Amino acid sequence: MSYDGYPQNAEKVNGRWAMVGFVALLGAYITTGQIIPGIF
């Protein structure tokens, strides 16, 4: 098993999931008007 290029791949995947989370957070804020729905 080779881990060559693993850090670069991990960075890409982590960045993409971070973007998905940010878009989900933005969508929740736009639809509910709350920063964290159910808490604030």
Protein backbone atom coordinates (compact mmCIF):
# COMPACT_ATOMS: atom_id res chain seq x y z
CA MET A 1 0.00 0.00 0.00
CA SER A 2 1.47 3.32 -1.07
CA TYR A 3 0.79 6.61 0.67
CA ASP A 4 2.46 8.72 -2.01
CA GLY A 5 0.34 11.79 -2.62
CA TYR A 6 -1.87 11.07 0.39
CA PRO A 7 -1.41 14.52 2.01
CA GLN A 8 -2.40 16.31 -1.20
CA ASN A 9 -5.46 14.11 -1.63
CA ALA A 10 -6.42 14.58 2.01
CA GLU A 11 -6.14 18.36 1.63
CA LYS A 12 -8.41 18.33 -1.43
CA VAL A 13 -11.03 16.13 0.22
CA ASN A 14 -10.94 18.15 3.44
CA GLY A 15 -11.27 21.40 1.52
CA ARG A 16 -14.23 20.12 -0.45
CA TRP A 17 -16.04 18.92 2.68
CA ALA A 18 -15.32 22.30 4.29
CA MET A 19 -16.94 24.02 1.30
CA VAL A 20 -19.96 21.70 1.52
CA GLY A 21 -20.30 22.50 5.22
CA PHE A 22 -20.02 26.24 4.61
CA VAL A 23 -22.71 26.13 1.91
CA ALA A 24 -24.95 24.09 4.24
CA LEU A 25 -24.38 26.63 7.02
CA LEU A 26 -25.19 29.49 4.66
CA GLY A 27 -28.35 27.73 3.45
CA ALA A 28 -29.51 27.08 7.02
CA TYR A 29 -28.91 30.72 7.94
CA ILE A 30 -30.78 32.01 4.88
CA THR A 31 -33.79 29.74 5.42
CA THR A 32 -34.11 30.04 9.21
CA GLY A 33 -32.43 33.36 10.01
CA GLN A 34 -30.56 31.65 12.85
CA ILE A 35 -26.80 31.15 12.95
CA ILE A 36 -27.14 27.65 14.42
CA PRO A 37 -30.77 26.51 14.07
CA GLY A 38 -32.20 25.39 17.41
CA ILE A 39 -29.43 26.98 19.50
CA PHE A 40 -29.11 30.68 18.59
